[in-house]
PDB file of N, CA and C in Angstrom:
ATOM      1  N   MET A   1     -11.083  10.594  -4.147  1.00  0.00           N
ATOM      2  CA  MET A   1     -11.205   9.182  -4.490  1.00  0.00           C
ATOM      3  C   MET A   1     -10.525   8.928  -5.834  1.00  0.00           C
ATOM      4  N   VAL A   2      -9.750   7.869  -5.909  1.00  0.00           N
ATOM      5  CA  VAL A   2      -9.057   7.477  -7.123  1.00  0.00           C
ATOM      6  C   VAL A   2      -9.955   6.537  -7.920  1.00  0.00           C
ATOM      7  N   GLU A   3     -10.056   6.804  -9.207  1.00  0.00           N
ATOM      8  CA  GLU A   3     -10.885   5.975 -10.091  1.00  0.00           C
ATOM      9  C   GLU A   3     -10.095   4.732 -10.523  1.00  0.00           C
ATOM     10  N   LEU A   4     -10.642   3.558 -10.269  1.00  0.00           N
ATOM     11  CA  LEU A   4      -9.993   2.309 -10.666  1.00  0.00           C
ATOM     12  C   LEU A   4     -10.657   1.754 -11.915  1.00  0.00           C
ATOM     13  N   LYS A   5      -9.878   1.009 -12.692  1.00  0.00           N
ATOM     14  CA  LYS A   5     -10.383   0.408 -13.932  1.00  0.00           C
ATOM     15  C   LYS A   5     -11.129  -0.886 -13.620  1.00  0.00           C
ATOM     16  N   ASP A   6     -12.066  -1.224 -14.471  1.00  0.00           N
ATOM     17  CA  ASP A   6     -12.844  -2.445 -14.281  1.00  0.00           C
ATOM     18  C   ASP A   6     -12.158  -3.691 -14.831  1.00  0.00           C
ATOM     19  N   ASN A   7     -11.147  -3.514 -15.692  1.00  0.00           N
ATOM     20  CA  ASN A   7     -10.556  -4.659 -16.373  1.00  0.00           C
ATOM     21  C   ASN A   7      -9.384  -5.299 -15.623  1.00  0.00           C
ATOM     22  N   GLN A   8      -9.080  -4.823 -14.407  1.00  0.00           N
ATOM     23  CA  GLN A   8      -7.994  -5.378 -13.609  1.00  0.00           C
ATOM     24  C   GLN A   8      -8.475  -5.552 -12.174  1.00  0.00           C
ATOM     25  N   PRO A   9      -7.935  -6.539 -11.460  1.00  0.00           N
ATOM     26  CA  PRO A   9      -8.318  -6.680 -10.055  1.00  0.00           C
ATOM     27  C   PRO A   9      -7.990  -5.397  -9.279  1.00  0.00           C
ATOM     28  N   LYS A  10      -8.920  -4.980  -8.445  1.00  0.00           N
ATOM     29  CA  LYS A  10      -8.729  -3.733  -7.695  1.00  0.00           C
ATOM     30  C   LYS A  10      -7.496  -3.785  -6.816  1.00  0.00           C
ATOM     31  N   TRP A  11      -7.242  -4.926  -6.187  1.00  0.00           N
ATOM     32  CA  TRP A  11      -6.101  -4.981  -5.273  1.00  0.00           C
ATOM     33  C   TRP A  11      -4.791  -4.755  -6.024  1.00  0.00           C
ATOM     34  N   ARG A  12      -4.694  -5.267  -7.268  1.00  0.00           N
ATOM     35  CA  ARG A  12      -3.468  -5.056  -8.057  1.00  0.00           C
ATOM     36  C   ARG A  12      -3.287  -3.587  -8.420  1.00  0.00           C
ATOM     37  N   GLN A  13      -4.387  -2.929  -8.756  1.00  0.00           N
ATOM     38  CA  GLN A  13      -4.314  -1.512  -9.106  1.00  0.00           C
ATOM     39  C   GLN A  13      -3.892  -0.665  -7.906  1.00  0.00           C
ATOM     40  N   VAL A  14      -4.490  -0.937  -6.765  1.00  0.00           N
ATOM     41  CA  VAL A  14      -4.148  -0.172  -5.564  1.00  0.00           C
ATOM     42  C   VAL A  14      -2.725  -0.489  -5.125  1.00  0.00           C
ATOM     43  N   TYR A  15      -2.335  -1.754  -5.213  1.00  0.00           N
ATOM     44  CA  TYR A  15      -0.956  -2.139  -4.910  1.00  0.00           C
ATOM     45  C   TYR A  15       0.005  -1.335  -5.780  1.00  0.00           C
ATOM     46  N   ALA A  16      -0.257  -1.240  -7.079  1.00  0.00           N
ATOM     47  CA  ALA A  16       0.614  -0.501  -7.994  1.00  0.00           C
ATOM     48  C   ALA A  16       0.671   0.980  -7.628  1.00  0.00           C
ATOM     49  N   ILE A  17      -0.447   1.543  -7.215  1.00  0.00           N
ATOM     50  CA  ILE A  17      -0.481   2.954  -6.822  1.00  0.00           C
ATOM     51  C   ILE A  17       0.352   3.185  -5.567  1.00  0.00           C
ATOM     52  N   ILE A  18       0.186   2.342  -4.560  1.00  0.00           N
ATOM     53  CA  ILE A  18       0.944   2.502  -3.313  1.00  0.00           C
ATOM     54  C   ILE A  18       2.424   2.255  -3.573  1.00  0.00           C
ATOM     55  N   ARG A  19       2.739   1.257  -4.375  1.00  0.00           N
ATOM     56  CA  ARG A  19       4.140   0.979  -4.726  1.00  0.00           C
ATOM     57  C   ARG A  19       4.755   2.189  -5.424  1.00  0.00           C
ATOM     58  N   GLU A  20       4.017   2.819  -6.323  1.00  0.00           N
ATOM     59  CA  GLU A  20       4.507   4.005  -7.021  1.00  0.00           C
ATOM     60  C   GLU A  20       4.704   5.164  -6.040  1.00  0.00           C
ATOM     61  N   ARG A  21       3.799   5.308  -5.101  1.00  0.00           N
ATOM     62  CA  ARG A  21       3.937   6.372  -4.093  1.00  0.00           C
ATOM     63  C   ARG A  21       5.184   6.161  -3.236  1.00  0.00           C
ATOM     64  N   ILE A  22       5.517   4.908  -2.977  1.00  0.00           N
ATOM     65  CA  ILE A  22       6.750   4.606  -2.243  1.00  0.00           C
ATOM     66  C   ILE A  22       7.949   4.919  -3.127  1.00  0.00           C
ATOM     67  N   ALA A  23       7.908   4.483  -4.383  1.00  0.00           N
ATOM     68  CA  ALA A  23       9.025   4.684  -5.312  1.00  0.00           C
ATOM     69  C   ALA A  23       9.285   6.163  -5.586  1.00  0.00           C
ATOM     70  N   ASP A  24       8.220   6.962  -5.703  1.00  0.00           N
ATOM     71  CA  ASP A  24       8.430   8.376  -6.057  1.00  0.00           C
ATOM     72  C   ASP A  24       8.642   9.279  -4.840  1.00  0.00           C
ATOM     73  N   GLY A  25       8.649   8.681  -3.644  1.00  0.00           N
ATOM     74  CA  GLY A  25       8.938   9.464  -2.447  1.00  0.00           C
ATOM     75  C   GLY A  25       7.729  10.102  -1.782  1.00  0.00           C
ATOM     76  N   THR A  26       6.540   9.857  -2.318  1.00  0.00           N
ATOM     77  CA  THR A  26       5.337  10.355  -1.646  1.00  0.00           C
ATOM     78  C   THR A  26       5.277   9.774  -0.236  1.00  0.00           C
ATOM     79  N   TYR A  27       5.637   8.491  -0.123  1.00  0.00           N
ATOM     80  CA  TYR A  27       5.786   7.828   1.167  1.00  0.00           C
ATOM     81  C   TYR A  27       7.261   7.445   1.302  1.00  0.00           C
ATOM     82  N   PRO A  28       8.087   8.318   1.858  1.00  0.00           N
ATOM     83  CA  PRO A  28       9.521   8.012   1.974  1.00  0.00           C
ATOM     84  C   PRO A  28       9.807   6.939   3.033  1.00  0.00           C
ATOM     85  N   PRO A  29      11.011   6.363   3.004  1.00  0.00           N
ATOM     86  CA  PRO A  29      11.379   5.347   3.992  1.00  0.00           C
ATOM     87  C   PRO A  29      11.119   5.844   5.418  1.00  0.00           C
ATOM     88  N   GLY A  30      10.560   4.936   6.237  1.00  0.00           N
ATOM     89  CA  GLY A  30      10.268   5.250   7.626  1.00  0.00           C
ATOM     90  C   GLY A  30       8.929   5.915   7.853  1.00  0.00           C
ATOM     91  N   THR A  31       8.258   6.298   6.779  1.00  0.00           N
ATOM     92  CA  THR A  31       6.981   7.001   6.884  1.00  0.00           C
ATOM     93  C   THR A  31       5.834   6.031   7.112  1.00  0.00           C
ATOM     94  N   LYS A  32       4.906   6.435   7.955  1.00  0.00           N
ATOM     95  CA  LYS A  32       3.685   5.664   8.163  1.00  0.00           C
ATOM     96  C   LYS A  32       2.804   5.830   6.935  1.00  0.00           C
ATOM     97  N   ILE A  33       2.275   4.724   6.445  1.00  0.00           N
ATOM     98  CA  ILE A  33       1.393   4.785   5.285  1.00  0.00           C
ATOM     99  C   ILE A  33      -0.058   4.740   5.760  1.00  0.00           C
ATOM    100  N   PRO A  34      -1.001   5.070   4.874  1.00  0.00           N
ATOM    101  CA  PRO A  34      -2.409   5.067   5.275  1.00  0.00           C
ATOM    102  C   PRO A  34      -2.846   3.718   5.839  1.00  0.00           C
ATOM    103  N   THR A  35      -3.799   3.778   6.731  1.00  0.00           N
ATOM    104  CA  THR A  35      -4.342   2.559   7.339  1.00  0.00           C
ATOM    105  C   THR A  35      -5.228   1.822   6.335  1.00  0.00           C
ATOM    106  N   VAL A  36      -5.577   0.600   6.680  1.00  0.00           N
ATOM    107  CA  VAL A  36      -6.487  -0.176   5.843  1.00  0.00           C
ATOM    108  C   VAL A  36      -7.795   0.593   5.655  1.00  0.00           C
ATOM    109  N   LEU A  37      -8.311   1.157   6.729  1.00  0.00           N
ATOM    110  CA  LEU A  37      -9.570   1.900   6.627  1.00  0.00           C
ATOM    111  C   LEU A  37      -9.435   3.126   5.727  1.00  0.00           C
ATOM    112  N   GLU A  38      -8.281   3.771   5.744  1.00  0.00           N
ATOM    113  CA  GLU A  38      -8.060   4.917   4.853  1.00  0.00           C
ATOM    114  C   GLU A  38      -8.006   4.464   3.400  1.00  0.00           C
ATOM    115  N   LEU A  39      -7.396   3.304   3.148  1.00  0.00           N
ATOM    116  CA  LEU A  39      -7.388   2.763   1.780  1.00  0.00           C
ATOM    117  C   LEU A  39      -8.798   2.417   1.333  1.00  0.00           C
ATOM    118  N   VAL A  40      -9.570   1.826   2.233  1.00  0.00           N
ATOM    119  CA  VAL A  40     -10.960   1.483   1.918  1.00  0.00           C
ATOM    120  C   VAL A  40     -11.711   2.736   1.477  1.00  0.00           C
ATOM    121  N   ALA A  41     -11.520   3.824   2.209  1.00  0.00           N
ATOM    122  CA  ALA A  41     -12.225   5.076   1.886  1.00  0.00           C
ATOM    123  C   ALA A  41     -11.697   5.715   0.609  1.00  0.00           C
ATOM    124  N   GLU A  42     -10.382   5.775   0.450  1.00  0.00           N
ATOM    125  CA  GLU A  42      -9.797   6.443  -0.724  1.00  0.00           C
ATOM    126  C   GLU A  42     -10.126   5.726  -2.022  1.00  0.00           C
ATOM    127  N   PHE A  43     -10.091   4.403  -2.005  1.00  0.00           N
ATOM    128  CA  PHE A  43     -10.257   3.635  -3.233  1.00  0.00           C
ATOM    129  C   PHE A  43     -11.596   2.909  -3.337  1.00  0.00           C
ATOM    130  N   GLN A  44     -12.465   3.088  -2.353  1.00  0.00           N
ATOM    131  CA  GLN A  44     -13.766   2.417  -2.346  1.00  0.00           C
ATOM    132  C   GLN A  44     -13.593   0.904  -2.463  1.00  0.00           C
ATOM    133  N   LEU A  45     -12.804   0.329  -1.547  1.00  0.00           N
ATOM    134  CA  LEU A  45     -12.495  -1.096  -1.542  1.00  0.00           C
ATOM    135  C   LEU A  45     -13.237  -1.800  -0.420  1.00  0.00           C
ATOM    136  N   ALA A  46     -13.336  -3.094  -0.547  1.00  0.00           N
ATOM    137  CA  ALA A  46     -13.745  -3.918   0.588  1.00  0.00           C
ATOM    138  C   ALA A  46     -12.545  -4.027   1.527  1.00  0.00           C
ATOM    139  N   ASN A  47     -12.808  -4.200   2.799  1.00  0.00           N
ATOM    140  CA  ASN A  47     -11.742  -4.313   3.792  1.00  0.00           C
ATOM    141  C   ASN A  47     -10.775  -5.443   3.435  1.00  0.00           C
ATOM    142  N   ALA A  48     -11.291  -6.579   3.009  1.00  0.00           N
ATOM    143  CA  ALA A  48     -10.447  -7.720   2.658  1.00  0.00           C
ATOM    144  C   ALA A  48      -9.535  -7.402   1.473  1.00  0.00           C
ATOM    145  N   THR A  49     -10.015  -6.598   0.543  1.00  0.00           N
ATOM    146  CA  THR A  49      -9.204  -6.211  -0.614  1.00  0.00           C
ATOM    147  C   THR A  49      -8.057  -5.322  -0.167  1.00  0.00           C
ATOM    148  N   ALA A  50      -8.319  -4.373   0.703  1.00  0.00           N
ATOM    149  CA  ALA A  50      -7.262  -3.489   1.218  1.00  0.00           C
ATOM    150  C   ALA A  50      -6.234  -4.299   2.003  1.00  0.00           C
ATOM    151  N   GLN A  51      -6.690  -5.272   2.773  1.00  0.00           N
ATOM    152  CA  GLN A  51      -5.766  -6.116   3.522  1.00  0.00           C
ATOM    153  C   GLN A  51      -4.873  -6.924   2.578  1.00  0.00           C
ATOM    154  N   LYS A  52      -5.409  -7.332   1.443  1.00  0.00           N
ATOM    155  CA  LYS A  52      -4.610  -8.073   0.457  1.00  0.00           C
ATOM    156  C   LYS A  52      -3.491  -7.190  -0.098  1.00  0.00           C
ATOM    157  N   VAL A  53      -3.782  -5.921  -0.295  1.00  0.00           N
ATOM    158  CA  VAL A  53      -2.756  -4.967  -0.748  1.00  0.00           C
ATOM    159  C   VAL A  53      -1.624  -4.917   0.273  1.00  0.00           C
ATOM    160  N   TYR A  54      -1.965  -4.794   1.535  1.00  0.00           N
ATOM    161  CA  TYR A  54      -0.950  -4.734   2.595  1.00  0.00           C
ATOM    162  C   TYR A  54      -0.147  -6.022   2.682  1.00  0.00           C
ATOM    163  N   ARG A  55      -0.820  -7.161   2.549  1.00  0.00           N
ATOM    164  CA  ARG A  55      -0.094  -8.439   2.577  1.00  0.00           C
ATOM    165  C   ARG A  55       0.946  -8.499   1.471  1.00  0.00           C
ATOM    166  N   GLN A  56       0.581  -8.036   0.263  1.00  0.00           N
ATOM    167  CA  GLN A  56       1.517  -8.087  -0.854  1.00  0.00           C
ATOM    168  C   GLN A  56       2.662  -7.088  -0.654  1.00  0.00           C
ATOM    169  N   LEU A  57       2.363  -5.905  -0.137  1.00  0.00           N
ATOM    170  CA  LEU A  57       3.421  -4.926   0.140  1.00  0.00           C
ATOM    171  C   LEU A  57       4.414  -5.476   1.161  1.00  0.00           C
ATOM    172  N   ARG A  58       3.906  -6.178   2.196  1.00  0.00           N
ATOM    173  CA  ARG A  58       4.797  -6.800   3.181  1.00  0.00           C
ATOM    174  C   ARG A  58       5.600  -7.931   2.536  1.00  0.00           C
ATOM    175  N   ALA A  59       4.938  -8.766   1.745  1.00  0.00           N
ATOM    176  CA  ALA A  59       5.618  -9.897   1.097  1.00  0.00           C
ATOM    177  C   ALA A  59       6.735  -9.425   0.178  1.00  0.00           C
ATOM    178  N   ASP A  60       6.555  -8.254  -0.432  1.00  0.00           N
ATOM    179  CA  ASP A  60       7.566  -7.713  -1.338  1.00  0.00           C
ATOM    180  C   ASP A  60       8.632  -6.894  -0.612  1.00  0.00           C
ATOM    181  N   GLY A  61       8.537  -6.837   0.705  1.00  0.00           N
ATOM    182  CA  GLY A  61       9.554  -6.155   1.493  1.00  0.00           C
ATOM    183  C   GLY A  61       9.493  -4.636   1.411  1.00  0.00           C
ATOM    184  N   LEU A  62       8.316  -4.088   1.108  1.00  0.00           N
ATOM    185  CA  LEU A  62       8.196  -2.632   0.983  1.00  0.00           C
ATOM    186  C   LEU A  62       7.712  -1.963   2.265  1.00  0.00           C
ATOM    187  N   ILE A  63       6.966  -2.705   3.079  1.00  0.00           N
ATOM    188  CA  ILE A  63       6.458  -2.155   4.335  1.00  0.00           C
ATOM    189  C   ILE A  63       6.632  -3.177   5.445  1.00  0.00           C
ATOM    190  N   TYR A  64       6.538  -2.681   6.663  1.00  0.00           N
ATOM    191  CA  TYR A  64       6.454  -3.550   7.831  1.00  0.00           C
ATOM    192  C   TYR A  64       5.362  -2.979   8.727  1.00  0.00           C
ATOM    193  N   THR A  65       4.804  -3.825   9.566  1.00  0.00           N
ATOM    194  CA  THR A  65       3.718  -3.408  10.430  1.00  0.00           C
ATOM    195  C   THR A  65       4.112  -3.639  11.878  1.00  0.00           C
ATOM    196  N   GLU A  66       3.853  -2.629  12.707  1.00  0.00           N
ATOM    197  CA  GLU A  66       4.064  -2.744  14.145  1.00  0.00           C
ATOM    198  C   GLU A  66       2.695  -2.747  14.807  1.00  0.00           C
ATOM    199  N   ALA A  67       2.433  -3.789  15.585  1.00  0.00           N
ATOM    200  CA  ALA A  67       1.130  -3.922  16.241  1.00  0.00           C
ATOM    201  C   ALA A  67       0.799  -2.666  17.040  1.00  0.00           C
ATOM    202  N   GLY A  68      -0.375  -2.142  16.815  1.00  0.00           N
ATOM    203  CA  GLY A  68      -0.841  -0.964  17.530  1.00  0.00           C
ATOM    204  C   GLY A  68      -0.255   0.350  17.053  1.00  0.00           C
ATOM    205  N   MET A  69       0.677   0.292  16.106  1.00  0.00           N
ATOM    206  CA  MET A  69       1.342   1.506  15.630  1.00  0.00           C
ATOM    207  C   MET A  69       0.990   1.830  14.173  1.00  0.00           C
ATOM    208  N   GLY A  70       0.843   0.796  13.350  1.00  0.00           N
ATOM    209  CA  GLY A  70       0.540   0.997  11.945  1.00  0.00           C
ATOM    210  C   GLY A  70       1.564   0.348  11.050  1.00  0.00           C
ATOM    211  N   SER A  71       1.512   0.710   9.777  1.00  0.00           N
ATOM    212  CA  SER A  71       2.432   0.161   8.778  1.00  0.00           C
ATOM    213  C   SER A  71       3.325   1.278   8.269  1.00  0.00           C
ATOM    214  N   PHE A  72       4.586   0.931   8.039  1.00  0.00           N
ATOM    215  CA  PHE A  72       5.603   1.906   7.678  1.00  0.00           C
ATOM    216  C   PHE A  72       6.415   1.422   6.478  1.00  0.00           C
ATOM    217  N   VAL A  73       6.915   2.360   5.693  1.00  0.00           N
ATOM    218  CA  VAL A  73       7.808   2.029   4.584  1.00  0.00           C
ATOM    219  C   VAL A  73       9.147   1.590   5.186  1.00  0.00           C
ATOM    220  N   VAL A  74       9.706   0.515   4.651  1.00  0.00           N
ATOM    221  CA  VAL A  74      11.004   0.026   5.147  1.00  0.00           C
ATOM    222  C   VAL A  74      12.076   1.094   4.932  1.00  0.00           C
ATOM    223  N   GLU A  75      13.099   1.058   5.778  1.00  0.00           N
ATOM    224  CA  GLU A  75      14.185   2.037   5.681  1.00  0.00           C
ATOM    225  C   GLU A  75      15.040   1.819   4.430  1.00  0.00           C
ATOM    226  N   GLU A  76      15.250   0.554   4.069  1.00  0.00           N
ATOM    227  CA  GLU A  76      16.072   0.241   2.911  1.00  0.00           C
ATOM    228  C   GLU A  76      15.184  -0.412   1.852  1.00  0.00           C
ATOM    229  N   LEU A  77      14.860   0.354   0.825  1.00  0.00           N
ATOM    230  CA  LEU A  77      13.988  -0.144  -0.236  1.00  0.00           C
ATOM    231  C   LEU A  77      14.733  -1.106  -1.150  1.00  0.00           C
ATOM    232  N   PRO A  78      14.035  -2.096  -1.684  1.00  0.00           N
ATOM    233  CA  PRO A  78      14.664  -3.007  -2.644  1.00  0.00           C
ATOM    234  C   PRO A  78      15.181  -2.235  -3.864  1.00  0.00           C
ATOM    235  N   GLU A  79      16.273  -2.709  -4.433  1.00  0.00           N
ATOM    236  CA  GLU A  79      16.869  -2.036  -5.592  1.00  0.00           C
ATOM    237  C   GLU A  79      15.978  -2.099  -6.820  1.00  0.00           C
ATOM    238  N   ASP A  80      15.135  -3.114  -6.916  1.00  0.00           N
ATOM    239  CA  ASP A  80      14.286  -3.283  -8.091  1.00  0.00           C
ATOM    240  C   ASP A  80      12.983  -2.486  -8.017  1.00  0.00           C
ATOM    241  N   LEU A  81      12.901  -1.574  -7.057  1.00  0.00           N
ATOM    242  CA  LEU A  81      11.683  -0.769  -6.923  1.00  0.00           C
ATOM    243  C   LEU A  81      11.691   0.226  -8.030  1.00  0.00           C
TER     244      LEU A  81
END
């Protein structure tokens, strides 16, 4: 379990962690990332908070989701990552 700080919104902290994992190659392009339920367990989040992280990752063009398959890192990452 990753320890989150109390002085920042949890979703922003988890978003930054997942974004860093994408940037540093922990989750390389095309790789399936953890499910919402896995994020809930790893970071002790509410389901809605984990979903907010995924919404922001999609909005920033870092992941895409395939129904019934999961969420994956995009093949071509933004240059500003």
